[in-house]
């Protein structure tokens, strides 16, 4: 119970600070079922998917409701939307008439994996309820459309999630004189992701929901979102093999083809799990990432040679439901 309360508190803080995942959180019992799917196509308010176990794809199309804020039917006070496709639109702010062309980022690509749970989704198709909802673990959101790649050079200064630097001078290949600042997509700001004087690709202007983040500098220049080669290029998952010692869980990474790879160890939620009972069942999958430096020294990790590389796992996905 204490762990679920910690999970809920963390989720509520994240939702207030930045709507990274465009989902709402609430704790669930361990019996809540989460299903692994492959994305195939979309309509205005839902996705067409097929079940996927890492090896075999189902042969039946399954409707999965989009996260609430990604649906075409969703209306928000103070804005109007004109859709050109199910993943592109123009947003107009009623108070001043300003417009912004937006797209869903990251895009849904055929055979992308998603995880969905059964819920009261509020979506119906031909009078039939759509009973699954995309948990949006990849944090898709509406953002301003890219206007072509922009490259900046990091000057070595970071304030929480915000990095500062200067646009690349194409003539010299070095940093120019135009100051800019950026956040990396889905970065929590706990450690510096790149070295000074390294280039980054600024992919989008800062979306409206992050404009007022306290980490931005009033004198840092235009605000952008960025990607870096130092960030993971794909989502990593591990399978719990059933062995836990205190807070330390052990399992194996899941390869692209669904087979099991290297042995690893992980702690849940920055080590906040009290470690008094299993919070997932043997055979369950968890989303993992390499443990940041501040967490890797946690005493509950074991020897790397014995237990594998150190990772951090997201809170169990049955505790995070749209």
Protein backbone atom coordinates (compact mmCIF):
# COMPACT_ATOMS: atom_id res chain seq x y z
CA UNK A 1 0.00 0.00 0.00
CA UNK A 2 2.82 2.39 0.85
CA UNK A 3 4.44 1.74 -2.51
CA UNK A 4 1.21 2.39 -4.39
CA UNK A 5 0.77 5.62 -2.44
CA UNK A 6 4.30 6.64 -3.45
CA UNK A 7 3.54 5.78 -7.06
CA UNK A 8 0.35 7.84 -6.99
CA UNK A 9 2.08 10.81 -5.36
CA UNK A 10 4.88 10.74 -7.92
CA UNK A 11 2.39 10.56 -10.78
CA UNK A 12 0.35 13.44 -9.42
CA UNK A 13 3.47 15.59 -9.10
CA UNK A 14 4.49 14.75 -12.65
CA UNK A 15 1.03 15.57 -13.98
CA UNK A 16 1.13 18.99 -12.31
CA UNK A 17 4.68 19.85 -13.40
CA UNK A 18 4.46 18.71 -17.02
CA UNK A 19 1.84 16.71 -18.87
CA UNK A 20 4.48 14.50 -20.46
CA UNK A 21 2.22 11.55 -20.94
CA UNK A 22 -1.13 13.19 -21.52
CA UNK A 23 -2.67 10.60 -19.23
CA UNK A 24 -4.28 10.56 -15.80
CA UNK A 25 -3.10 8.34 -13.00
CA UNK A 26 -4.78 6.23 -10.41
CA UNK A 27 -3.68 3.18 -8.40
CA UNK A 28 -5.19 -0.18 -9.33
CA UNK A 29 -5.22 -3.63 -7.83
CA UNK A 30 -2.69 -6.13 -9.04
CA UNK A 31 -5.39 -7.98 -10.93
CA UNK A 32 -5.71 -5.22 -13.53
CA UNK A 33 -4.80 -6.70 -16.91
CA UNK A 34 -2.48 -4.93 -19.32
CA UNK A 35 -2.22 -6.25 -22.88
CA UNK A 36 0.64 -5.86 -25.35
CA UNK A 37 -0.38 -4.77 -28.87
CA UNK A 38 1.06 -3.76 -32.21
CA UNK A 39 -0.33 -0.58 -33.76
CA UNK A 40 -1.75 -0.88 -37.28
CA UNK A 41 -3.80 2.25 -38.10
CA UNK A 42 -5.90 4.96 -36.49
CA UNK A 43 -9.20 6.78 -36.61
CA UNK A 44 -10.17 9.99 -34.89
CA UNK A 45 -10.61 8.64 -31.38
CA UNK A 46 -9.13 5.16 -31.48
CA UNK A 47 -6.36 2.95 -32.83
CA UNK A 48 -6.56 -0.35 -34.68
CA UNK A 49 -4.17 -2.83 -33.12
CA UNK A 50 -3.42 -6.53 -32.92
CA UNK A 51 -2.24 -8.51 -29.93
CA UNK A 52 1.46 -9.26 -29.81
CA UNK A 53 3.45 -11.50 -27.44
CA UNK A 54 6.87 -10.62 -28.83
CA UNK A 55 6.76 -13.48 -31.34
CA UNK A 56 3.23 -14.04 -32.65
CA UNK A 57 0.81 -11.38 -33.85
CA UNK A 58 -2.93 -11.92 -33.43
CA UNK A 59 -5.13 -12.15 -36.51
CA UNK A 60 -8.00 -10.00 -35.18
CA UNK A 61 -8.19 -6.20 -35.27
CA UNK A 62 -8.77 -4.70 -31.81
CA UNK A 63 -9.95 -1.13 -31.23
CA UNK A 64 -7.93 0.75 -28.59
CA UNK A 65 -9.04 4.21 -27.45
CA UNK A 66 -6.51 6.99 -27.83
CA UNK A 67 -5.41 8.89 -24.72
CA UNK A 68 -8.01 11.57 -24.05
CA UNK A 69 -5.99 14.59 -25.22
CA UNK A 70 -5.01 12.90 -28.51
CA UNK A 71 -8.61 12.32 -29.65
CA UNK A 72 -10.21 14.40 -32.38
CA UNK A 73 -13.42 14.69 -30.37
CA UNK A 74 -11.70 16.29 -27.37
CA UNK A 75 -12.48 19.97 -26.81
CA UNK A 76 -10.50 22.30 -24.56
CA UNK A 77 -11.66 25.61 -23.16
CA UNK A 78 -10.09 28.58 -24.92
CA UNK A 79 -9.01 26.74 -28.07
CA UNK A 80 -10.47 25.53 -31.35
CA UNK A 81 -9.00 22.84 -33.55
CA UNK A 82 -9.14 22.15 -37.28
CA UNK A 83 -7.88 18.68 -38.21
CA UNK A 84 -6.19 17.89 -41.52
CA UNK A 85 -5.56 14.26 -40.53
CA UNK A 86 -6.03 12.19 -37.37
CA UNK A 87 -2.50 13.17 -36.31
CA UNK A 88 -2.22 16.77 -37.61
CA UNK A 89 -4.21 19.87 -36.73
CA UNK A 90 -4.20 23.64 -36.42
CA UNK A 91 -4.82 24.97 -32.92
CA UNK A 92 -6.30 28.46 -32.54
CA UNK A 93 -6.22 30.37 -29.26
CA UNK A 94 -9.58 32.13 -29.04
CA UNK A 95 -8.39 35.04 -26.88
CA UNK A 96 -5.91 36.42 -29.43
CA UNK A 97 -6.52 34.42 -32.61
CA UNK A 98 -2.97 33.03 -32.68
CA UNK A 99 -2.56 29.78 -34.57
CA UNK A 100 -0.16 26.86 -34.27
CA UNK A 101 0.20 23.87 -36.58
CA UNK A 102 0.57 20.75 -34.45
CA UNK A 103 1.32 17.06 -34.86
CA UNK A 104 1.44 14.02 -32.58
CA UNK A 105 5.00 13.33 -31.42
CA UNK A 106 6.33 10.69 -31.46
CA UNK A 107 4.26 9.56 -34.42
CA UNK A 108 2.36 6.28 -34.38
CA UNK A 109 4.22 4.04 -36.85
CA UNK A 110 2.90 0.70 -38.09
CA UNK A 111 3.99 -2.16 -35.79
CA UNK A 112 4.91 0.19 -32.96
CA UNK A 113 4.25 -1.62 -29.69
CA UNK A 114 1.76 -0.18 -27.24
CA UNK A 115 0.39 -1.39 -23.92
CA UNK A 116 -3.32 -1.02 -23.22
CA UNK A 117 -5.66 -1.77 -20.36
CA UNK A 118 -9.39 -2.31 -20.10
CA UNK A 119 -11.26 0.72 -18.82
CA UNK A 120 -14.34 2.90 -19.23
CA UNK A 121 -12.79 4.80 -22.15
CA UNK A 122 -15.72 6.98 -23.15
CA UNK A 123 -15.26 5.98 -26.80
CA UNK A 124 -17.92 4.14 -28.78
CA UNK A 125 -17.91 2.92 -32.39
CA UNK A 126 -21.22 2.07 -34.04
CA UNK A 127 -22.83 1.89 -30.62
CA UNK A 128 -20.21 -0.48 -29.22
CA UNK A 129 -17.94 0.57 -26.35
CA UNK A 130 -14.21 0.55 -27.01
CA UNK A 131 -12.95 -1.25 -23.93
CA UNK A 132 -9.16 -0.83 -24.21
CA UNK A 133 -7.22 2.43 -23.80
CA UNK A 134 -3.63 3.18 -24.83
CA UNK A 135 -1.54 3.74 -21.67
CA UNK A 136 0.67 6.13 -23.67
CA UNK A 137 3.91 4.84 -22.17
CA UNK A 138 5.83 6.60 -24.96
CA UNK A 139 4.35 9.95 -23.89
CA UNK A 140 2.81 11.02 -27.20
CA UNK A 141 1.50 14.58 -27.22
CA UNK A 142 0.41 17.39 -29.56
CA UNK A 143 3.40 19.68 -30.26
CA UNK A 144 4.18 22.48 -32.71
CA UNK A 145 5.16 21.16 -36.12
CA UNK A 146 8.84 21.07 -36.92
CA UNK A 147 10.06 23.70 -39.35
CA UNK A 148 13.19 21.82 -40.38
CA UNK A 149 16.05 20.57 -38.24
CA UNK A 150 17.93 23.18 -36.21
CA UNK A 151 21.29 22.35 -34.63
CA UNK A 152 22.62 23.95 -31.45
CA UNK A 153 25.88 23.59 -29.52
CA UNK A 154 25.63 22.97 -25.77
CA UNK A 155 27.60 25.53 -23.74
CA UNK A 156 27.85 23.30 -20.67
CA UNK A 157 25.16 24.99 -18.56
CA UNK A 158 22.08 23.10 -17.35
CA UNK A 159 19.34 24.23 -14.95
CA UNK A 160 17.22 21.22 -14.07
CA UNK A 161 15.68 20.10 -17.37
CA UNK A 162 16.81 23.16 -19.37
CA UNK A 163 20.08 23.31 -21.34
CA UNK A 164 21.53 26.46 -22.89
CA UNK A 165 23.72 27.01 -25.90
CA UNK A 166 23.96 28.73 -29.27
CA UNK A 167 22.77 27.89 -32.75
CA UNK A 168 25.34 26.26 -35.00
CA UNK A 169 27.11 28.62 -37.43
CA UNK A 170 26.91 26.68 -40.68
CA UNK A 171 29.81 28.62 -42.17
CA UNK A 172 32.27 27.75 -39.41
CA UNK A 173 30.80 24.55 -37.97
CA UNK A 174 31.08 26.05 -34.48
CA UNK A 175 28.67 27.73 -32.09
CA UNK A 176 27.31 31.03 -33.36
CA UNK A 177 26.02 34.06 -31.48
CA UNK A 178 22.27 33.26 -31.28
CA UNK A 179 21.40 32.00 -27.80
CA UNK A 180 18.82 29.22 -27.43
CA UNK A 181 17.61 26.95 -24.65
CA UNK A 182 15.99 23.55 -24.79
CA UNK A 183 14.68 20.51 -22.96
CA UNK A 184 15.22 16.96 -24.10
CA UNK A 185 12.03 15.03 -24.72
CA UNK A 186 11.02 13.11 -21.54
CA UNK A 187 14.16 14.07 -19.60
CA UNK A 188 13.55 14.40 -15.84
CA UNK A 189 16.54 16.72 -15.40
CA UNK A 190 18.33 14.50 -12.90
CA UNK A 191 21.66 14.31 -14.75
CA UNK A 192 23.41 16.02 -17.65
CA UNK A 193 22.85 13.98 -20.81
CA UNK A 194 25.54 15.50 -23.05
CA UNK A 195 29.01 17.00 -22.77
CA UNK A 196 29.80 20.65 -23.34
CA UNK A 197 30.41 21.70 -26.96
CA UNK A 198 28.41 18.76 -28.31
CA UNK A 199 25.68 19.34 -30.96
CA UNK A 200 22.00 18.66 -30.42
CA UNK A 201 19.07 18.63 -32.85
CA UNK A 202 16.26 21.02 -31.89
CA UNK A 203 13.19 19.25 -33.23
CA UNK A 204 10.26 21.46 -32.18
CA UNK A 205 9.42 24.74 -30.57
CA UNK A 206 8.47 24.38 -26.91
CA UNK A 207 4.86 23.15 -26.64
CA UNK A 208 2.43 25.38 -24.78
CA UNK A 209 2.10 23.08 -21.78
CA UNK A 210 5.82 23.49 -20.99
CA UNK A 211 6.12 27.23 -21.63
CA UNK A 212 5.85 28.14 -17.95
CA UNK A 213 8.23 25.52 -16.57
CA UNK A 214 10.34 27.12 -13.83
CA UNK A 215 13.62 25.80 -15.26
CA UNK A 216 13.50 28.10 -18.33
CA UNK A 217 15.76 31.17 -18.22
CA UNK A 218 14.18 34.58 -19.01
CA UNK A 219 17.40 35.51 -20.86
CA UNK A 220 18.16 32.10 -22.37
CA UNK A 221 16.68 32.76 -25.79
CA UNK A 222 13.94 30.93 -27.70
CA UNK A 223 12.64 27.70 -26.15
CA UNK A 224 12.92 24.39 -28.00
CA UNK A 225 12.66 20.64 -27.53
CA UNK A 226 15.63 18.49 -28.53
CA UNK A 227 16.94 15.02 -29.17
CA UNK A 228 20.48 13.81 -28.69
CA UNK A 229 22.42 10.77 -29.79
CA UNK A 230 23.15 10.20 -26.11
CA UNK A 231 19.48 9.47 -25.43
CA UNK A 232 18.11 5.95 -25.82
CA UNK A 233 16.82 5.35 -29.36
CA UNK A 234 14.12 2.93 -28.29
CA UNK A 235 12.12 1.81 -25.29
CA UNK A 236 13.70 -1.02 -23.30
CA UNK A 237 11.73 -3.73 -21.54
CA UNK A 238 12.75 -6.50 -19.19
CA UNK A 239 11.05 -9.68 -18.04
CA UNK A 240 10.98 -10.45 -14.32
CA UNK A 241 12.20 -13.99 -13.73
CA UNK A 242 10.75 -14.18 -10.24
CA UNK A 243 13.81 -13.47 -8.11
CA UNK A 244 13.77 -10.53 -5.68
CA UNK A 245 16.06 -9.67 -2.77
CA UNK A 246 14.72 -6.69 -0.87
CA UNK A 247 14.36 -3.86 -3.36
CA UNK A 248 16.49 -5.59 -6.00
CA UNK A 249 14.69 -7.41 -8.82
CA UNK A 250 16.47 -9.52 -11.40
CA UNK A 251 15.40 -10.50 -14.88
CA UNK A 252 16.43 -10.32 -18.51
CA UNK A 253 16.23 -7.68 -21.20
CA UNK A 254 13.78 -8.36 -24.02
CA UNK A 255 15.33 -8.37 -27.50
CA UNK A 256 13.66 -6.88 -30.58
CA UNK A 257 12.52 -10.33 -31.69
CA UNK A 258 10.92 -11.06 -28.31
CA UNK A 259 13.66 -13.40 -27.11
CA UNK A 260 15.34 -12.85 -23.76
CA UNK A 261 18.74 -11.21 -23.65
CA UNK A 262 21.21 -10.16 -20.96
CA UNK A 263 20.62 -10.60 -17.25
CA UNK A 264 19.99 -7.30 -15.45
CA UNK A 265 18.96 -6.00 -12.05
CA UNK A 266 16.70 -3.08 -11.23
CA UNK A 267 15.05 -1.03 -8.51
CA UNK A 268 11.58 0.41 -8.88
CA UNK A 269 10.83 4.11 -8.85
CA UNK A 270 14.20 5.48 -7.77
CA UNK A 271 14.42 3.00 -4.90
CA UNK A 272 11.14 4.13 -3.28
CA UNK A 273 9.72 0.62 -3.32
CA UNK A 274 10.01 -0.60 0.31
CA UNK A 275 11.06 -4.05 -0.91
CA UNK A 276 8.84 -5.99 1.47
CA UNK A 277 6.82 -7.87 -1.17
CA UNK A 278 6.82 -8.52 -4.91
CA UNK A 279 4.99 -5.72 -6.71
CA UNK A 280 4.90 -7.68 -9.99
CA UNK A 281 4.43 -11.34 -10.73
CA UNK A 282 7.05 -13.64 -12.23
CA UNK A 283 6.95 -13.37 -16.02
CA UNK A 284 5.70 -9.77 -16.02
CA UNK A 285 7.31 -7.11 -18.22
CA UNK A 286 8.59 -3.76 -17.00
CA UNK A 287 9.92 -0.67 -18.78
CA UNK A 288 13.55 -0.04 -17.78
CA UNK A 289 16.42 2.39 -18.35
CA UNK A 290 20.04 2.46 -17.25
CA UNK A 291 20.34 3.58 -13.63
CA UNK A 292 21.54 7.20 -13.42
CA UNK A 293 24.75 7.83 -11.46
CA UNK A 294 22.93 9.03 -8.35
CA UNK A 295 20.93 5.81 -8.18
CA UNK A 296 23.61 3.32 -9.28
CA UNK A 297 25.33 3.67 -5.89
CA UNK A 298 22.18 2.55 -4.05
CA UNK A 299 23.13 -0.18 -1.54
CA UNK A 300 20.30 -2.48 -2.64
CA UNK A 301 21.93 -3.12 -6.02
CA UNK A 302 24.08 -6.25 -6.15
CA UNK A 303 27.38 -7.04 -7.83
CA UNK A 304 27.23 -6.40 -11.59
CA UNK A 305 29.23 -9.53 -12.34
CA UNK A 306 26.61 -11.62 -10.53
CA UNK A 307 23.33 -9.84 -11.23
CA UNK A 308 23.99 -7.87 -14.43
CA UNK A 309 23.95 -4.19 -15.28
CA UNK A 310 22.04 -1.80 -13.04
CA UNK A 311 18.72 -0.41 -14.24
CA UNK A 312 15.80 1.57 -12.90
CA UNK A 313 12.25 0.40 -13.65
CA UNK A 314 9.15 2.47 -14.05
CA UNK A 315 6.36 1.92 -11.59
CA UNK A 316 4.39 -1.22 -12.52
CA UNK A 317 2.17 -0.35 -15.47
CA UNK A 318 -0.91 -1.72 -13.73
CA UNK A 319 -0.51 1.24 -11.34
CA UNK A 320 -0.61 3.78 -14.16
CA UNK A 321 -3.84 3.81 -16.12
CA UNK A 322 -5.47 6.39 -18.34
